N, C-alpha and C. Protein backbone atom coordinates (compact mmCIF):
# COMPACT_ATOMS: atom_id res chain seq x y z
N MET A 1 -8.00 79.97 39.34
CA MET A 1 -8.37 79.23 38.16
C MET A 1 -7.76 79.98 36.98
N LEU A 2 -7.09 79.28 36.13
CA LEU A 2 -6.47 79.88 34.97
C LEU A 2 -7.29 79.52 33.74
N TRP A 3 -7.62 80.51 32.94
CA TRP A 3 -8.40 80.28 31.73
C TRP A 3 -7.45 80.28 30.55
N PHE A 4 -7.59 79.34 29.65
CA PHE A 4 -6.70 79.22 28.50
C PHE A 4 -7.50 78.82 27.28
N GLN A 5 -7.24 79.51 26.18
CA GLN A 5 -7.88 79.13 24.92
C GLN A 5 -6.77 78.93 23.90
N GLY A 6 -6.90 77.90 23.08
CA GLY A 6 -5.88 77.66 22.08
C GLY A 6 -6.08 76.32 21.41
N ASN A 7 -5.17 76.02 20.48
CA ASN A 7 -5.31 74.75 19.78
C ASN A 7 -4.69 73.61 20.59
N SER A 8 -4.87 72.41 20.12
CA SER A 8 -4.46 71.23 20.89
C SER A 8 -2.96 71.17 21.14
N MET A 9 -2.15 71.48 20.15
CA MET A 9 -0.70 71.41 20.34
C MET A 9 -0.25 72.50 21.32
N GLN A 10 -0.77 73.69 21.15
CA GLN A 10 -0.44 74.76 22.10
C GLN A 10 -0.92 74.39 23.49
N LEU A 11 -2.07 73.77 23.55
CA LEU A 11 -2.65 73.35 24.82
C LEU A 11 -1.72 72.37 25.51
N ALA A 12 -1.23 71.39 24.79
CA ALA A 12 -0.33 70.38 25.36
C ALA A 12 0.98 71.02 25.84
N LYS A 13 1.55 71.89 25.03
CA LYS A 13 2.80 72.56 25.42
C LYS A 13 2.58 73.44 26.64
N TYR A 14 1.48 74.18 26.63
CA TYR A 14 1.17 75.06 27.74
C TYR A 14 0.94 74.25 29.01
N SER A 15 0.22 73.15 28.91
CA SER A 15 -0.06 72.30 30.07
C SER A 15 1.25 71.78 30.66
N PHE A 16 2.15 71.37 29.80
CA PHE A 16 3.42 70.83 30.25
C PHE A 16 4.23 71.90 30.97
N ARG A 17 4.27 73.10 30.39
CA ARG A 17 5.00 74.20 31.04
C ARG A 17 4.38 74.54 32.39
N LEU A 18 3.05 74.56 32.46
CA LEU A 18 2.38 74.83 33.73
C LEU A 18 2.72 73.77 34.76
N LEU A 19 2.72 72.53 34.32
CA LEU A 19 3.04 71.42 35.21
C LEU A 19 4.45 71.57 35.76
N LEU A 20 5.40 71.88 34.89
CA LEU A 20 6.79 72.04 35.33
C LEU A 20 6.93 73.23 36.28
N ARG A 21 6.31 74.34 35.93
CA ARG A 21 6.39 75.53 36.77
C ARG A 21 5.73 75.26 38.12
N ASN A 22 4.62 74.61 38.07
CA ASN A 22 3.87 74.27 39.28
C ASN A 22 4.70 73.35 40.17
N ARG A 23 5.33 72.38 39.56
CA ARG A 23 6.13 71.40 40.30
C ARG A 23 7.33 72.06 40.95
N SER A 24 7.97 72.99 40.25
CA SER A 24 9.15 73.64 40.81
C SER A 24 8.77 74.68 41.86
N ALA A 25 7.60 75.27 41.76
CA ALA A 25 7.18 76.30 42.70
C ALA A 25 6.66 75.71 44.01
N SER A 26 6.22 74.50 43.96
CA SER A 26 5.58 73.90 45.12
C SER A 26 5.64 72.38 45.01
N LYS A 27 5.47 71.73 46.14
CA LYS A 27 5.43 70.28 46.09
C LYS A 27 4.07 69.79 45.64
N THR A 28 3.08 70.67 45.69
CA THR A 28 1.73 70.31 45.25
C THR A 28 1.57 70.69 43.79
N VAL A 29 1.15 69.73 42.99
CA VAL A 29 0.93 69.97 41.57
C VAL A 29 -0.58 69.96 41.33
N LEU A 30 -1.07 71.03 40.73
CA LEU A 30 -2.50 71.10 40.46
C LEU A 30 -2.85 70.34 39.19
N PRO A 31 -3.95 69.60 39.22
CA PRO A 31 -4.41 68.94 38.00
C PRO A 31 -4.95 69.96 37.01
N VAL A 32 -5.05 69.55 35.76
CA VAL A 32 -5.55 70.42 34.70
C VAL A 32 -6.95 69.96 34.31
N LEU A 33 -7.91 70.86 34.46
CA LEU A 33 -9.28 70.61 34.04
C LEU A 33 -9.50 71.35 32.73
N THR A 34 -9.75 70.61 31.66
CA THR A 34 -9.94 71.20 30.34
C THR A 34 -11.44 71.28 30.06
N LEU A 35 -11.87 72.48 29.67
CA LEU A 35 -13.26 72.72 29.31
C LEU A 35 -13.33 72.90 27.80
N PHE A 36 -14.03 72.01 27.13
CA PHE A 36 -14.27 72.14 25.69
C PHE A 36 -15.54 72.95 25.54
N THR A 37 -15.44 74.07 24.81
CA THR A 37 -16.51 75.05 24.77
C THR A 37 -16.61 75.69 23.40
N LYS A 38 -17.54 76.60 23.24
CA LYS A 38 -17.65 77.46 22.06
C LYS A 38 -18.41 78.70 22.50
N ASP A 39 -18.47 79.68 21.65
CA ASP A 39 -19.16 80.91 21.97
C ASP A 39 -20.33 81.10 21.03
N PRO A 40 -21.52 81.27 21.50
CA PRO A 40 -21.93 81.31 22.90
C PRO A 40 -22.16 79.91 23.45
N CYS A 41 -22.10 79.81 24.76
CA CYS A 41 -22.39 78.54 25.44
C CYS A 41 -22.88 78.85 26.85
N PRO A 42 -24.17 79.08 27.01
CA PRO A 42 -24.71 79.39 28.34
C PRO A 42 -24.44 78.29 29.37
N LEU A 43 -24.47 77.03 28.95
CA LEU A 43 -24.16 75.95 29.90
C LEU A 43 -22.70 76.01 30.35
N CYS A 44 -21.82 76.45 29.45
CA CYS A 44 -20.41 76.59 29.81
C CYS A 44 -20.24 77.72 30.83
N ASP A 45 -20.95 78.81 30.61
CA ASP A 45 -20.89 79.93 31.56
C ASP A 45 -21.39 79.49 32.93
N GLU A 46 -22.47 78.74 32.94
CA GLU A 46 -23.01 78.21 34.19
C GLU A 46 -22.00 77.28 34.87
N ALA A 47 -21.37 76.43 34.08
CA ALA A 47 -20.38 75.49 34.62
C ALA A 47 -19.20 76.23 35.25
N LYS A 48 -18.74 77.29 34.59
CA LYS A 48 -17.61 78.05 35.13
C LYS A 48 -17.98 78.70 36.46
N GLU A 49 -19.22 79.12 36.61
CA GLU A 49 -19.66 79.69 37.89
C GLU A 49 -19.64 78.62 38.99
N VAL A 50 -20.09 77.43 38.66
CA VAL A 50 -20.08 76.34 39.63
C VAL A 50 -18.64 75.99 40.02
N LEU A 51 -17.74 76.00 39.05
CA LEU A 51 -16.34 75.63 39.29
C LEU A 51 -15.58 76.67 40.09
N GLU A 52 -16.09 77.86 40.18
CA GLU A 52 -15.41 78.94 40.90
C GLU A 52 -15.04 78.52 42.33
N ALA A 53 -15.89 77.78 42.97
CA ALA A 53 -15.64 77.34 44.35
C ALA A 53 -14.44 76.38 44.45
N TYR A 54 -14.02 75.80 43.34
CA TYR A 54 -12.94 74.82 43.32
C TYR A 54 -11.65 75.37 42.71
N LYS A 55 -11.62 76.66 42.46
CA LYS A 55 -10.53 77.26 41.67
C LYS A 55 -9.13 77.05 42.25
N ASN A 56 -9.02 76.76 43.52
CA ASN A 56 -7.70 76.55 44.13
C ASN A 56 -7.19 75.13 43.92
N ARG A 57 -8.03 74.26 43.35
CA ARG A 57 -7.69 72.84 43.29
C ARG A 57 -7.33 72.34 41.90
N PHE A 58 -7.42 73.21 40.89
CA PHE A 58 -7.04 72.81 39.53
C PHE A 58 -6.74 74.04 38.69
N ILE A 59 -6.16 73.79 37.54
CA ILE A 59 -5.94 74.82 36.53
C ILE A 59 -6.98 74.57 35.46
N LEU A 60 -7.77 75.59 35.14
CA LEU A 60 -8.80 75.44 34.12
C LEU A 60 -8.30 75.95 32.78
N GLN A 61 -8.41 75.12 31.78
CA GLN A 61 -8.06 75.49 30.40
C GLN A 61 -9.32 75.42 29.57
N GLU A 62 -9.52 76.38 28.70
CA GLU A 62 -10.65 76.34 27.79
C GLU A 62 -10.15 76.06 26.38
N VAL A 63 -10.86 75.18 25.69
CA VAL A 63 -10.55 74.88 24.30
C VAL A 63 -11.80 75.23 23.48
N ASP A 64 -11.66 76.21 22.61
CA ASP A 64 -12.76 76.61 21.73
C ASP A 64 -12.80 75.63 20.56
N ILE A 65 -13.82 74.79 20.55
CA ILE A 65 -13.90 73.73 19.54
C ILE A 65 -14.23 74.27 18.15
N THR A 66 -14.62 75.55 18.04
CA THR A 66 -14.96 76.11 16.73
C THR A 66 -13.74 76.63 15.98
N LEU A 67 -12.59 76.69 16.62
CA LEU A 67 -11.38 77.13 15.93
C LEU A 67 -10.93 76.04 14.95
N PRO A 68 -10.44 76.44 13.78
CA PRO A 68 -10.04 75.45 12.77
C PRO A 68 -9.06 74.39 13.29
N GLU A 69 -8.14 74.80 14.13
CA GLU A 69 -7.15 73.85 14.64
C GLU A 69 -7.74 72.85 15.64
N ASN A 70 -8.98 73.09 16.06
CA ASN A 70 -9.64 72.17 16.99
C ASN A 70 -10.77 71.40 16.34
N SER A 71 -10.69 71.21 15.04
CA SER A 71 -11.78 70.57 14.30
C SER A 71 -12.05 69.13 14.77
N ALA A 72 -11.04 68.43 15.22
CA ALA A 72 -11.26 67.06 15.72
C ALA A 72 -12.13 67.10 16.98
N TRP A 73 -11.87 68.07 17.85
CA TRP A 73 -12.71 68.22 19.05
C TRP A 73 -14.12 68.65 18.66
N TYR A 74 -14.23 69.48 17.65
CA TYR A 74 -15.55 69.91 17.19
C TYR A 74 -16.36 68.71 16.71
N GLN A 75 -15.75 67.86 15.90
CA GLN A 75 -16.45 66.68 15.41
C GLN A 75 -16.89 65.76 16.55
N ARG A 76 -16.07 65.70 17.56
CA ARG A 76 -16.36 64.80 18.67
C ARG A 76 -17.41 65.36 19.64
N TYR A 77 -17.35 66.68 19.89
CA TYR A 77 -18.16 67.25 20.98
C TYR A 77 -19.16 68.32 20.55
N LYS A 78 -19.40 68.51 19.26
CA LYS A 78 -20.24 69.63 18.81
C LYS A 78 -21.64 69.64 19.41
N PHE A 79 -22.16 68.49 19.79
CA PHE A 79 -23.51 68.44 20.36
C PHE A 79 -23.50 68.22 21.88
N ASP A 80 -22.32 68.24 22.49
CA ASP A 80 -22.23 67.84 23.90
C ASP A 80 -21.59 68.85 24.84
N ILE A 81 -21.22 70.01 24.37
CA ILE A 81 -20.53 70.94 25.26
C ILE A 81 -21.48 71.47 26.33
N PRO A 82 -20.97 71.78 27.48
CA PRO A 82 -19.56 71.68 27.87
C PRO A 82 -19.14 70.23 28.15
N VAL A 83 -17.88 69.97 27.82
CA VAL A 83 -17.25 68.67 28.09
C VAL A 83 -15.99 68.97 28.89
N PHE A 84 -15.71 68.12 29.86
CA PHE A 84 -14.56 68.31 30.73
C PHE A 84 -13.65 67.09 30.71
N HIS A 85 -12.35 67.36 30.63
CA HIS A 85 -11.32 66.33 30.79
C HIS A 85 -10.50 66.75 32.01
N LEU A 86 -10.11 65.79 32.81
CA LEU A 86 -9.22 66.05 33.94
C LEU A 86 -7.91 65.34 33.67
N ASN A 87 -6.86 66.12 33.57
CA ASN A 87 -5.53 65.60 33.22
C ASN A 87 -5.57 64.75 31.96
N GLY A 88 -6.33 65.23 30.97
CA GLY A 88 -6.36 64.57 29.67
C GLY A 88 -7.35 63.42 29.54
N GLN A 89 -8.06 63.09 30.61
CA GLN A 89 -9.02 61.99 30.60
C GLN A 89 -10.44 62.54 30.72
N PHE A 90 -11.35 61.99 29.92
CA PHE A 90 -12.74 62.42 29.98
C PHE A 90 -13.25 62.33 31.42
N LEU A 91 -13.98 63.38 31.85
CA LEU A 91 -14.53 63.40 33.20
C LEU A 91 -16.05 63.51 33.19
N MET A 92 -16.59 64.49 32.43
CA MET A 92 -18.04 64.71 32.45
C MET A 92 -18.44 65.61 31.29
N MET A 93 -19.75 65.65 31.02
CA MET A 93 -20.25 66.54 29.97
C MET A 93 -21.62 67.09 30.35
N HIS A 94 -21.99 68.15 29.67
CA HIS A 94 -23.28 68.84 29.78
C HIS A 94 -23.40 69.72 31.01
N ARG A 95 -23.13 69.20 32.17
CA ARG A 95 -23.18 69.97 33.42
C ARG A 95 -22.08 69.47 34.34
N VAL A 96 -21.71 70.33 35.30
CA VAL A 96 -20.71 69.92 36.28
C VAL A 96 -21.36 68.96 37.26
N ASP A 97 -20.73 67.81 37.39
CA ASP A 97 -21.14 66.81 38.38
C ASP A 97 -20.19 66.97 39.57
N ILE A 98 -20.66 67.72 40.57
CA ILE A 98 -19.81 68.06 41.71
C ILE A 98 -19.28 66.81 42.41
N SER A 99 -20.10 65.82 42.59
CA SER A 99 -19.65 64.63 43.31
C SER A 99 -18.56 63.90 42.52
N LYS A 100 -18.70 63.82 41.20
CA LYS A 100 -17.67 63.17 40.37
C LYS A 100 -16.38 63.99 40.40
N LEU A 101 -16.50 65.31 40.26
CA LEU A 101 -15.33 66.18 40.29
C LEU A 101 -14.62 66.05 41.63
N GLU A 102 -15.36 66.14 42.71
CA GLU A 102 -14.77 66.06 44.05
C GLU A 102 -14.07 64.72 44.25
N LYS A 103 -14.69 63.65 43.83
CA LYS A 103 -14.10 62.32 43.98
C LYS A 103 -12.77 62.22 43.23
N GLN A 104 -12.75 62.71 41.99
CA GLN A 104 -11.52 62.63 41.19
C GLN A 104 -10.44 63.56 41.72
N LEU A 105 -10.81 64.74 42.19
CA LEU A 105 -9.82 65.66 42.76
C LEU A 105 -9.23 65.06 44.03
N GLN A 106 -10.05 64.48 44.88
CA GLN A 106 -9.54 63.86 46.11
C GLN A 106 -8.61 62.70 45.78
N LYS A 107 -8.97 61.92 44.78
CA LYS A 107 -8.13 60.80 44.36
C LYS A 107 -6.76 61.29 43.91
N LEU A 108 -6.74 62.34 43.10
CA LEU A 108 -5.47 62.91 42.63
C LEU A 108 -4.68 63.51 43.78
N GLU A 109 -5.36 64.18 44.69
CA GLU A 109 -4.67 64.79 45.83
C GLU A 109 -4.06 63.72 46.73
N GLN A 110 -4.74 62.61 46.91
CA GLN A 110 -4.21 61.52 47.72
C GLN A 110 -3.00 60.86 47.07
N GLN A 111 -3.03 60.81 45.74
CA GLN A 111 -1.92 60.22 45.00
C GLN A 111 -0.76 61.18 44.88
N GLY A 112 -0.98 62.44 45.25
CA GLY A 112 0.05 63.45 45.06
C GLY A 112 0.20 63.79 43.60
N LEU A 113 -0.89 63.55 42.83
CA LEU A 113 -1.01 63.73 41.38
C LEU A 113 0.03 62.90 40.72
């Protein structure tokens, strides 16, 4: 599991580079799970522990919504963290929903991402 913190533009560039590197290194491309978080966030810490069992199946990026460059995410999610996006699409919030995560990961794996 890869942890990443940064602003949205850096996040997009970094995700793209990871995708390209991942694609060239292997035929299997890992999806990107983005965690919108802030410090402190006990629910986020709990979520990361739950996700540890799945670390081989995605790349985890963290976005600190309290950073000035992430103000749009702060406005959107300030009362809802942790929030998760999978490959840029909303997936879940507040707690990890293992069944939803597993379903979406299997779907992506079957599609070859």
